[in-house]
PDB file of all heavy atoms in Angstrom:
ATOM      1  N   MET A   1       0.803  -1.209  -0.026  1.00  0.00           N
ATOM      2  CA  MET A   1      -0.076  -0.027   0.022  1.00  0.00           C
ATOM      3  C   MET A   1       0.831   1.352   0.009  1.00  0.00           C
ATOM      4  O   MET A   1       0.604   2.249  -0.633  1.00  0.00           O
ATOM      5  CB  MET A   1      -0.956  -0.005   1.343  1.00  0.00           C
ATOM      6  CG  MET A   1      -2.027  -1.099   1.182  1.00  0.00           C
ATOM      7  SD  MET A   1      -3.111  -0.745  -0.265  1.00  0.00           S
ATOM      8  CE  MET A   1      -4.306  -2.006   0.110  1.00  0.00           C
ATOM      9  N   ILE A   2       1.923   1.202   0.820  1.00  0.00           N
ATOM     10  CA  ILE A   2       2.842   2.341   0.855  1.00  0.00           C
ATOM     11  C   ILE A   2       3.487   2.520  -0.569  1.00  0.00           C
ATOM     12  O   ILE A   2       3.671   3.692  -1.052  1.00  0.00           O
ATOM     13  CB  ILE A   2       3.842   2.263   1.942  1.00  0.00           C
ATOM     14  CG1 ILE A   2       3.078   2.322   3.308  1.00  0.00           C
ATOM     15  CG2 ILE A   2       5.044   3.212   1.960  1.00  0.00           C
ATOM     16  CD1 ILE A   2       3.960   1.987   4.535  1.00  0.00           C
ATOM     17  N   GLY A   3       3.940   1.407  -1.106  1.00  0.00           N
ATOM     18  CA  GLY A   3       4.589   1.357  -2.418  1.00  0.00           C
ATOM     19  C   GLY A   3       3.603   2.007  -3.474  1.00  0.00           C
ATOM     20  O   GLY A   3       4.101   2.877  -4.396  1.00  0.00           O
ATOM     21  N   ALA A   4       2.310   1.636  -3.491  1.00  0.00           N
ATOM     22  CA  ALA A   4       1.346   2.221  -4.388  1.00  0.00           C
ATOM     23  C   ALA A   4       1.276   3.661  -4.198  1.00  0.00           C
ATOM     24  O   ALA A   4       1.166   4.429  -5.128  1.00  0.00           O
ATOM     25  CB  ALA A   4       0.058   1.533  -4.319  1.00  0.00           C
ATOM     26  N   LEU A   5       1.092   4.056  -2.956  1.00  0.00           N
ATOM     27  CA  LEU A   5       1.037   5.568  -2.579  1.00  0.00           C
ATOM     28  C   LEU A   5       2.134   6.388  -3.137  1.00  0.00           C
ATOM     29  O   LEU A   5       2.059   7.427  -3.733  1.00  0.00           O
ATOM     30  CB  LEU A   5       0.810   5.670  -1.156  1.00  0.00           C
ATOM     31  CG  LEU A   5       0.535   7.077  -0.605  1.00  0.00           C
ATOM     32  CD1 LEU A   5      -0.799   7.551  -1.093  1.00  0.00           C
ATOM     33  CD2 LEU A   5       0.497   7.013   0.882  1.00  0.00           C
ATOM     34  N   VAL A   6       3.408   5.808  -3.013  1.00  0.00           N
ATOM     35  CA  VAL A   6       4.578   6.425  -3.465  1.00  0.00           C
ATOM     36  C   VAL A   6       4.548   6.705  -4.982  1.00  0.00           C
ATOM     37  O   VAL A   6       4.766   7.710  -5.528  1.00  0.00           O
ATOM     38  CB  VAL A   6       5.912   5.600  -3.170  1.00  0.00           C
ATOM     39  CG1 VAL A   6       7.088   6.105  -3.896  1.00  0.00           C
ATOM     40  CG2 VAL A   6       6.135   5.775  -1.630  1.00  0.00           C
ATOM     41  N   ALA A   7       4.029   5.586  -5.627  1.00  0.00           N
ATOM     42  CA  ALA A   7       4.026   5.636  -7.125  1.00  0.00           C
ATOM     43  C   ALA A   7       2.987   6.620  -7.621  1.00  0.00           C
ATOM     44  O   ALA A   7       3.259   7.511  -8.546  1.00  0.00           O
ATOM     45  CB  ALA A   7       3.633   4.323  -7.721  1.00  0.00           C
ATOM     46  N   VAL A   8       1.807   6.660  -7.011  1.00  0.00           N
ATOM     47  CA  VAL A   8       0.802   7.599  -7.356  1.00  0.00           C
ATOM     48  C   VAL A   8       1.165   9.005  -6.981  1.00  0.00           C
ATOM     49  O   VAL A   8       0.997   9.985  -7.881  1.00  0.00           O
ATOM     50  CB  VAL A   8      -0.603   7.277  -6.646  1.00  0.00           C
ATOM     51  CG1 VAL A   8      -1.546   8.322  -6.828  1.00  0.00           C
ATOM     52  CG2 VAL A   8      -1.078   5.871  -7.283  1.00  0.00           C
ATOM     53  N   ILE A   9       1.809   9.319  -5.975  1.00  0.00           N
ATOM     54  CA  ILE A   9       2.227  10.588  -5.592  1.00  0.00           C
ATOM     55  C   ILE A   9       3.281  11.077  -6.493  1.00  0.00           C
ATOM     56  O   ILE A   9       3.340  12.234  -7.042  1.00  0.00           O
ATOM     57  CB  ILE A   9       2.708  10.713  -4.086  1.00  0.00           C
ATOM     58  CG1 ILE A   9       1.565  10.630  -3.173  1.00  0.00           C
ATOM     59  CG2 ILE A   9       3.442  12.064  -3.887  1.00  0.00           C
ATOM     60  CD1 ILE A   9       1.970  10.385  -1.678  1.00  0.00           C
ATOM     61  N   ALA A  10       4.191  10.218  -6.964  1.00  0.00           N
ATOM     62  CA  ALA A  10       5.275  10.549  -7.963  1.00  0.00           C
ATOM     63  C   ALA A  10       4.583  10.942  -9.239  1.00  0.00           C
ATOM     64  O   ALA A  10       4.976  11.991  -9.882  1.00  0.00           O
ATOM     65  CB  ALA A  10       6.169   9.368  -8.112  1.00  0.00           C
ATOM     66  N   GLY A  11       3.532  10.290  -9.572  1.00  0.00           N
ATOM     67  CA  GLY A  11       2.801  10.613 -10.853  1.00  0.00           C
ATOM     68  C   GLY A  11       2.147  12.027 -10.714  1.00  0.00           C
ATOM     69  O   GLY A  11       2.147  12.756 -11.635  1.00  0.00           O
ATOM     70  N   ILE A  12       1.506  12.281  -9.668  1.00  0.00           N
ATOM     71  CA  ILE A  12       0.782  13.553  -9.372  1.00  0.00           C
ATOM     72  C   ILE A  12       1.855  14.613  -9.410  1.00  0.00           C
ATOM     73  O   ILE A  12       1.637  15.760  -9.976  1.00  0.00           O
ATOM     74  CB  ILE A  12       0.086  13.530  -8.015  1.00  0.00           C
ATOM     75  CG1 ILE A  12      -1.131  12.626  -8.218  1.00  0.00           C
ATOM     76  CG2 ILE A  12      -0.400  14.972  -7.752  1.00  0.00           C
ATOM     77  CD1 ILE A  12      -1.898  12.370  -6.894  1.00  0.00           C
ATOM     78  N   VAL A  13       3.019  14.437  -8.750  1.00  0.00           N
ATOM     79  CA  VAL A  13       4.072  15.446  -8.711  1.00  0.00           C
ATOM     80  C   VAL A  13       4.580  15.854 -10.102  1.00  0.00           C
ATOM     81  O   VAL A  13       4.704  16.800 -10.528  1.00  0.00           O
ATOM     82  CB  VAL A  13       5.233  15.047  -7.778  1.00  0.00           C
ATOM     83  CG1 VAL A  13       6.428  15.862  -7.898  1.00  0.00           C
ATOM     84  CG2 VAL A  13       4.718  15.049  -6.283  1.00  0.00           C
ATOM     85  N   LYS A  14       4.696  14.688 -10.922  1.00  0.00           N
ATOM     86  CA  LYS A  14       5.286  14.799 -12.285  1.00  0.00           C
ATOM     87  C   LYS A  14       4.197  15.644 -13.101  1.00  0.00           C
ATOM     88  O   LYS A  14       4.670  16.564 -13.828  1.00  0.00           O
ATOM     89  CB  LYS A  14       5.472  13.504 -12.902  1.00  0.00           C
ATOM     90  CG  LYS A  14       6.393  13.452 -14.124  1.00  0.00           C
ATOM     91  CD  LYS A  14       5.398  13.508 -15.371  1.00  0.00           C
ATOM     92  CE  LYS A  14       6.278  13.411 -16.636  1.00  0.00           C
ATOM     93  NZ  LYS A  14       5.526  14.067 -17.763  1.00  0.00           N
ATOM     94  N   GLU A  15       2.975  15.331 -12.966  1.00  0.00           N
ATOM     95  CA  GLU A  15       1.981  16.091 -13.774  1.00  0.00           C
ATOM     96  C   GLU A  15       1.975  17.507 -13.225  1.00  0.00           C
ATOM     97  O   GLU A  15       1.785  18.416 -14.185  1.00  0.00           O
ATOM     98  CB  GLU A  15       0.701  15.363 -13.740  1.00  0.00           C
ATOM     99  CG  GLU A  15       0.701  14.069 -14.539  1.00  0.00           C
ATOM    100  CD  GLU A  15       1.044  14.317 -15.973  1.00  0.00           C
ATOM    101  OE1 GLU A  15       0.497  15.188 -16.696  1.00  0.00           O
ATOM    102  OE2 GLU A  15       1.858  13.569 -16.380  1.00  0.00           O
ATOM    103  N   THR A  16       1.991  17.788 -11.938  1.00  0.00           N
ATOM    104  CA  THR A  16       1.994  19.151 -11.539  1.00  0.00           C
ATOM    105  C   THR A  16       3.191  19.832 -11.972  1.00  0.00           C
ATOM    106  O   THR A  16       3.065  21.095 -12.323  1.00  0.00           O
ATOM    107  CB  THR A  16       1.971  19.119  -9.923  1.00  0.00           C
ATOM    108  OG1 THR A  16       0.833  18.287  -9.592  1.00  0.00           O
ATOM    109  CG2 THR A  16       1.865  20.540  -9.437  1.00  0.00           C
ATOM    110  N   TRP A  17       4.394  19.218 -11.993  1.00  0.00           N
ATOM    111  CA  TRP A  17       5.586  19.880 -12.521  1.00  0.00           C
ATOM    112  C   TRP A  17       5.379  20.271 -13.925  1.00  0.00           C
ATOM    113  O   TRP A  17       5.738  21.346 -14.315  1.00  0.00           O
ATOM    114  CB  TRP A  17       6.784  18.958 -12.404  1.00  0.00           C
ATOM    115  CG  TRP A  17       8.109  19.486 -12.662  1.00  0.00           C
ATOM    116  CD1 TRP A  17       8.511  19.613 -13.992  1.00  0.00           C
ATOM    117  CD2 TRP A  17       9.066  20.084 -11.915  1.00  0.00           C
ATOM    118  NE1 TRP A  17       9.753  20.186 -14.053  1.00  0.00           N
ATOM    119  CE2 TRP A  17      10.130  20.483 -12.686  1.00  0.00           C
ATOM    120  CE3 TRP A  17       9.052  20.255 -10.458  1.00  0.00           C
ATOM    121  CZ2 TRP A  17      11.235  21.063 -12.126  1.00  0.00           C
ATOM    122  CZ3 TRP A  17      10.209  20.860  -9.983  1.00  0.00           C
ATOM    123  CH2 TRP A  17      11.290  21.213 -10.830  1.00  0.00           C
ATOM    124  N   ASP A  18       4.878  19.406 -14.739  1.00  0.00           N
ATOM    125  CA  ASP A  18       4.526  19.614 -16.164  1.00  0.00           C
ATOM    126  C   ASP A  18       3.722  20.832 -16.285  1.00  0.00           C
ATOM    127  O   ASP A  18       3.920  21.714 -17.210  1.00  0.00           O
ATOM    128  CB  ASP A  18       3.935  18.415 -16.927  1.00  0.00           C
ATOM    129  CG  ASP A  18       4.946  17.362 -17.177  1.00  0.00           C
ATOM    130  OD1 ASP A  18       6.201  17.607 -16.955  1.00  0.00           O
ATOM    131  OD2 ASP A  18       4.553  16.165 -17.388  1.00  0.00           O
ATOM    132  N   PHE A  19       2.589  20.939 -15.476  1.00  0.00           N
ATOM    133  CA  PHE A  19       1.713  22.050 -15.639  1.00  0.00           C
ATOM    134  C   PHE A  19       2.303  23.371 -15.256  1.00  0.00           C
ATOM    135  O   PHE A  19       2.108  24.293 -15.887  1.00  0.00           O
ATOM    136  CB  PHE A  19       0.517  21.782 -14.629  1.00  0.00           C
ATOM    137  CG  PHE A  19      -0.551  22.789 -14.624  1.00  0.00           C
ATOM    138  CD1 PHE A  19      -1.383  22.934 -15.677  1.00  0.00           C
ATOM    139  CD2 PHE A  19      -0.661  23.666 -13.704  1.00  0.00           C
ATOM    140  CE1 PHE A  19      -2.506  23.878 -15.750  1.00  0.00           C
ATOM    141  CE2 PHE A  19      -1.643  24.622 -13.566  1.00  0.00           C
ATOM    142  CZ  PHE A  19      -2.558  24.745 -14.594  1.00  0.00           C
ATOM    143  N   CYS A  20       3.232  23.349 -14.254  1.00  0.00           N
ATOM    144  CA  CYS A  20       3.867  24.504 -13.795  1.00  0.00           C
ATOM    145  C   CYS A  20       4.863  24.919 -14.753  1.00  0.00           C
ATOM    146  O   CYS A  20       5.319  26.174 -14.853  1.00  0.00           O
ATOM    147  CB  CYS A  20       4.564  24.402 -12.529  1.00  0.00           C
ATOM    148  SG  CYS A  20       3.282  24.196 -11.044  1.00  0.00           S
ATOM    149  N   ASP A  21       5.233  24.075 -15.643  1.00  0.00           N
ATOM    150  CA  ASP A  21       6.357  24.262 -16.645  1.00  0.00           C
ATOM    151  C   ASP A  21       5.598  24.717 -17.981  1.00  0.00           C
ATOM    152  O   ASP A  21       6.214  24.783 -19.100  1.00  0.00           O
ATOM    153  CB  ASP A  21       7.113  23.076 -16.975  1.00  0.00           C
ATOM    154  CG  ASP A  21       8.611  23.312 -17.341  1.00  0.00           C
ATOM    155  OD1 ASP A  21       9.073  24.382 -17.030  1.00  0.00           O
ATOM    156  OD2 ASP A  21       9.186  22.392 -17.935  1.00  0.00           O
ATOM    157  N   GLY A  22       4.258  24.819 -17.965  1.00  0.00           N
ATOM    158  CA  GLY A  22       3.563  25.399 -19.167  1.00  0.00           C
ATOM    159  C   GLY A  22       2.951  24.260 -19.980  1.00  0.00           C
ATOM    160  O   GLY A  22       2.220  24.470 -20.999  1.00  0.00           O
ATOM    161  N   GLU A  23       3.032  23.122 -19.617  1.00  0.00           N
ATOM    162  CA  GLU A  23       2.440  22.017 -20.308  1.00  0.00           C
ATOM    163  C   GLU A  23       0.921  21.642 -19.738  1.00  0.00           C
ATOM    164  O   GLU A  23       0.573  22.170 -18.662  1.00  0.00           O
ATOM    165  CB  GLU A  23       3.200  20.669 -20.301  1.00  0.00           C
ATOM    166  CG  GLU A  23       4.431  20.802 -20.908  1.00  0.00           C
ATOM    167  CD  GLU A  23       5.307  19.598 -20.814  1.00  0.00           C
ATOM    168  OE1 GLU A  23       4.763  18.537 -20.801  1.00  0.00           O
ATOM    169  OE2 GLU A  23       6.649  19.750 -20.809  1.00  0.00           O
ATOM    170  N   GLN A  24       0.215  20.827 -20.407  1.00  0.00           N
ATOM    171  CA  GLN A  24      -1.088  20.467 -19.957  1.00  0.00           C
ATOM    172  C   GLN A  24      -1.098  19.371 -18.774  1.00  0.00           C
ATOM    173  O   GLN A  24      -0.239  18.476 -18.992  1.00  0.00           O
ATOM    174  CB  GLN A  24      -1.920  20.027 -21.122  1.00  0.00           C
ATOM    175  CG  GLN A  24      -3.318  19.768 -20.805  1.00  0.00           C
ATOM    176  CD  GLN A  24      -4.238  19.296 -22.002  1.00  0.00           C
ATOM    177  OE1 GLN A  24      -3.765  19.482 -23.117  1.00  0.00           O
ATOM    178  NE2 GLN A  24      -5.403  18.901 -21.870  1.00  0.00           N
ATOM    179  N   PHE A  25      -1.913  19.567 -17.869  1.00  0.00           N
ATOM    180  CA  PHE A  25      -2.038  18.513 -16.832  1.00  0.00           C
ATOM    181  C   PHE A  25      -2.851  17.353 -17.448  1.00  0.00           C
ATOM    182  O   PHE A  25      -4.067  17.503 -17.765  1.00  0.00           O
ATOM    183  CB  PHE A  25      -2.731  19.066 -15.582  1.00  0.00           C
ATOM    184  CG  PHE A  25      -2.795  18.238 -14.395  1.00  0.00           C
ATOM    185  CD1 PHE A  25      -1.756  18.321 -13.456  1.00  0.00           C
ATOM    186  CD2 PHE A  25      -3.667  17.249 -14.116  1.00  0.00           C
ATOM    187  CE1 PHE A  25      -1.728  17.576 -12.405  1.00  0.00           C
ATOM    188  CE2 PHE A  25      -3.701  16.473 -13.025  1.00  0.00           C
ATOM    189  CZ  PHE A  25      -2.653  16.566 -12.165  1.00  0.00           C
ATOM    190  N   ASP A  26      -2.272  16.212 -17.585  1.00  0.00           N
ATOM    191  CA  ASP A  26      -2.906  15.154 -18.417  1.00  0.00           C
ATOM    192  C   ASP A  26      -3.468  14.030 -17.345  1.00  0.00           C
ATOM    193  O   ASP A  26      -2.757  13.308 -16.815  1.00  0.00           O
ATOM    194  CB  ASP A  26      -1.878  14.500 -19.328  1.00  0.00           C
ATOM    195  CG  ASP A  26      -2.449  13.576 -20.407  1.00  0.00           C
ATOM    196  OD1 ASP A  26      -3.725  13.297 -20.314  1.00  0.00           O
ATOM    197  OD2 ASP A  26      -1.742  13.106 -21.133  1.00  0.00           O
ATOM    198  N   MET A  27      -4.793  13.981 -17.396  1.00  0.00           N
ATOM    199  CA  MET A  27      -5.548  12.979 -16.597  1.00  0.00           C
ATOM    200  C   MET A  27      -5.284  11.626 -17.050  1.00  0.00           C
ATOM    201  O   MET A  27      -5.167  10.611 -16.180  1.00  0.00           O
ATOM    202  CB  MET A  27      -6.937  13.340 -16.402  1.00  0.00           C
ATOM    203  CG  MET A  27      -7.274  14.631 -15.722  1.00  0.00           C
ATOM    204  SD  MET A  27      -6.679  14.657 -13.966  1.00  0.00           S
ATOM    205  CE  MET A  27      -7.758  13.366 -13.293  1.00  0.00           C
ATOM    206  N   LYS A  28      -5.021  11.467 -18.376  1.00  0.00           N
ATOM    207  CA  LYS A  28      -4.713  10.035 -18.884  1.00  0.00           C
ATOM    208  C   LYS A  28      -3.389   9.593 -18.422  1.00  0.00           C
ATOM    209  O   LYS A  28      -3.255   8.407 -18.261  1.00  0.00           O
ATOM    210  CB  LYS A  28      -4.731  10.125 -20.422  1.00  0.00           C
ATOM    211  CG  LYS A  28      -6.237  10.334 -20.845  1.00  0.00           C
ATOM    212  CD  LYS A  28      -6.292  10.291 -22.438  1.00  0.00           C
ATOM    213  CE  LYS A  28      -7.637  10.492 -22.787  1.00  0.00           C
ATOM    214  NZ  LYS A  28      -7.772  10.587 -24.321  1.00  0.00           N
ATOM    215  N   ASP A  29      -2.474  10.400 -18.242  1.00  0.00           N
ATOM    216  CA  ASP A  29      -1.098  10.089 -17.666  1.00  0.00           C
ATOM    217  C   ASP A  29      -1.324   9.543 -16.173  1.00  0.00           C
ATOM    218  O   ASP A  29      -0.750   8.600 -15.738  1.00  0.00           O
ATOM    219  CB  ASP A  29      -0.159  11.176 -17.578  1.00  0.00           C
ATOM    220  CG  ASP A  29       0.450  11.419 -18.880  1.00  0.00           C
ATOM    221  OD1 ASP A  29       0.284  10.634 -19.833  1.00  0.00           O
ATOM    222  OD2 ASP A  29       1.178  12.475 -19.011  1.00  0.00           O
ATOM    223  N   LEU A  30      -2.222  10.228 -15.374  1.00  0.00           N
ATOM    224  CA  LEU A  30      -2.577   9.792 -14.164  1.00  0.00           C
ATOM    225  C   LEU A  30      -3.229   8.507 -14.074  1.00  0.00           C
ATOM    226  O   LEU A  30      -3.048   7.600 -13.114  1.00  0.00           O
ATOM    227  CB  LEU A  30      -3.354  10.844 -13.307  1.00  0.00           C
ATOM    228  CG  LEU A  30      -2.607  12.133 -12.970  1.00  0.00           C
ATOM    229  CD1 LEU A  30      -3.609  13.138 -12.182  1.00  0.00           C
ATOM    230  CD2 LEU A  30      -1.486  11.876 -12.140  1.00  0.00           C
ATOM    231  N   LEU A  31      -4.080   8.254 -15.052  1.00  0.00           N
ATOM    232  CA  LEU A  31      -4.738   6.962 -15.117  1.00  0.00           C
ATOM    233  C   LEU A  31      -3.811   5.835 -15.403  1.00  0.00           C
ATOM    234  O   LEU A  31      -3.908   4.796 -14.846  1.00  0.00           O
ATOM    235  CB  LEU A  31      -5.819   6.985 -16.178  1.00  0.00           C
ATOM    236  CG  LEU A  31      -6.645   5.780 -16.524  1.00  0.00           C
ATOM    237  CD1 LEU A  31      -7.400   5.356 -15.231  1.00  0.00           C
ATOM    238  CD2 LEU A  31      -7.660   5.968 -17.587  1.00  0.00           C
ATOM    239  N   ALA A  32      -2.794   6.083 -16.330  1.00  0.00           N
ATOM    240  CA  ALA A  32      -1.734   5.162 -16.646  1.00  0.00           C
ATOM    241  C   ALA A  32      -0.845   4.874 -15.314  1.00  0.00           C
ATOM    242  O   ALA A  32      -0.536   3.760 -15.019  1.00  0.00           O
ATOM    243  CB  ALA A  32      -0.775   5.689 -17.656  1.00  0.00           C
ATOM    244  N   ASP A  33      -0.614   5.985 -14.446  1.00  0.00           N
ATOM    245  CA  ASP A  33       0.068   5.880 -13.330  1.00  0.00           C
ATOM    246  C   ASP A  33      -0.722   4.905 -12.247  1.00  0.00           C
ATOM    247  O   ASP A  33      -0.176   4.072 -11.613  1.00  0.00           O
ATOM    248  CB  ASP A  33       0.304   7.215 -12.620  1.00  0.00           C
ATOM    249  CG  ASP A  33       1.281   8.155 -13.323  1.00  0.00           C
ATOM    250  OD1 ASP A  33       2.106   7.551 -14.150  1.00  0.00           O
ATOM    251  OD2 ASP A  33       1.191   9.264 -13.286  1.00  0.00           O
ATOM    252  N   GLY A  34      -1.966   5.275 -12.126  1.00  0.00           N
ATOM    253  CA  GLY A  34      -2.787   4.438 -11.273  1.00  0.00           C
ATOM    254  C   GLY A  34      -2.907   2.866 -11.717  1.00  0.00           C
ATOM    255  O   GLY A  34      -2.786   1.965 -10.812  1.00  0.00           O
ATOM    256  N   THR A  35      -2.995   2.736 -12.930  1.00  0.00           N
ATOM    257  CA  THR A  35      -3.047   1.353 -13.454  1.00  0.00           C
ATOM    258  C   THR A  35      -1.710   0.598 -13.206  1.00  0.00           C
ATOM    259  O   THR A  35      -1.599  -0.511 -12.825  1.00  0.00           O
ATOM    260  CB  THR A  35      -3.405   1.310 -15.008  1.00  0.00           C
ATOM    261  OG1 THR A  35      -4.483   2.105 -15.260  1.00  0.00           O
ATOM    262  CG2 THR A  35      -3.575   0.021 -15.504  1.00  0.00           C
ATOM    263  N   GLY A  36      -0.594   1.432 -13.435  1.00  0.00           N
ATOM    264  CA  GLY A  36       0.682   0.807 -13.100  1.00  0.00           C
ATOM    265  C   GLY A  36       0.953   0.524 -11.671  1.00  0.00           C
ATOM    266  O   GLY A  36       1.441  -0.471 -11.378  1.00  0.00           O
ATOM    267  N   ALA A  37       0.382   1.343 -10.940  1.00  0.00           N
ATOM    268  CA  ALA A  37       0.552   1.177  -9.384  1.00  0.00           C
ATOM    269  C   ALA A  37      -0.310  -0.101  -9.117  1.00  0.00           C
ATOM    270  O   ALA A  37       0.195  -0.985  -8.231  1.00  0.00           O
ATOM    271  CB  ALA A  37       0.041   2.376  -8.678  1.00  0.00           C
ATOM    272  N   PHE A  38      -1.453  -0.217  -9.653  1.00  0.00           N
ATOM    273  CA  PHE A  38      -2.265  -1.471  -9.289  1.00  0.00           C
ATOM    274  C   PHE A  38      -1.535  -2.769  -9.742  1.00  0.00           C
ATOM    275  O   PHE A  38      -1.485  -3.650  -9.036  1.00  0.00           O
ATOM    276  CB  PHE A  38      -3.615  -1.336  -9.911  1.00  0.00           C
ATOM    277  CG  PHE A  38      -4.484  -2.476  -9.592  1.00  0.00           C
ATOM    278  CD1 PHE A  38      -5.065  -2.587  -8.283  1.00  0.00           C
ATOM    279  CD2 PHE A  38      -4.828  -3.377 -10.444  1.00  0.00           C
ATOM    280  CE1 PHE A  38      -5.857  -3.704  -7.935  1.00  0.00           C
ATOM    281  CE2 PHE A  38      -5.690  -4.408 -10.124  1.00  0.00           C
ATOM    282  CZ  PHE A  38      -6.166  -4.662  -8.926  1.00  0.00           C
ATOM    283  N   ALA A  39      -0.961  -2.701 -11.007  1.00  0.00           N
ATOM    284  CA  ALA A  39      -0.296  -3.831 -11.520  1.00  0.00           C
ATOM    285  C   ALA A  39       0.975  -4.047 -10.713  1.00  0.00           C
ATOM    286  O   ALA A  39       1.293  -5.313 -10.444  1.00  0.00           O
ATOM    287  CB  ALA A  39       0.131  -3.569 -12.998  1.00  0.00           C
ATOM    288  N   GLY A  40       1.584  -3.036 -10.209  1.00  0.00           N
ATOM    289  CA  GLY A  40       2.828  -3.187  -9.315  1.00  0.00           C
ATOM    290  C   GLY A  40       2.379  -3.777  -8.003  1.00  0.00           C
ATOM    291  O   GLY A  40       3.192  -4.706  -7.440  1.00  0.00           O
ATOM    292  N   MET A  41       1.297  -3.445  -7.545  1.00  0.00           N
ATOM    293  CA  MET A  41       0.803  -4.056  -6.319  1.00  0.00           C
ATOM    294  C   MET A  41       0.667  -5.599  -6.410  1.00  0.00           C
ATOM    295  O   MET A  41       1.133  -6.409  -5.548  1.00  0.00           O
ATOM    296  CB  MET A  41      -0.478  -3.472  -5.807  1.00  0.00           C
ATOM    297  CG  MET A  41      -0.382  -2.020  -5.359  1.00  0.00           C
ATOM    298  SD  MET A  41      -1.985  -1.258  -5.056  1.00  0.00           S
ATOM    299  CE  MET A  41      -2.534  -2.167  -3.548  1.00  0.00           C
TER     300      MET A  41
END
């Protein structure tokens, strides 16, 4: 559970970083992150 939380938080931080850098916040990237976290679990 902690591992999955780390992965999802890393994905959110990456998307937030992209958004602050002028790119679009991509919800599909977060969905891929969540799916990867579940598969990793």
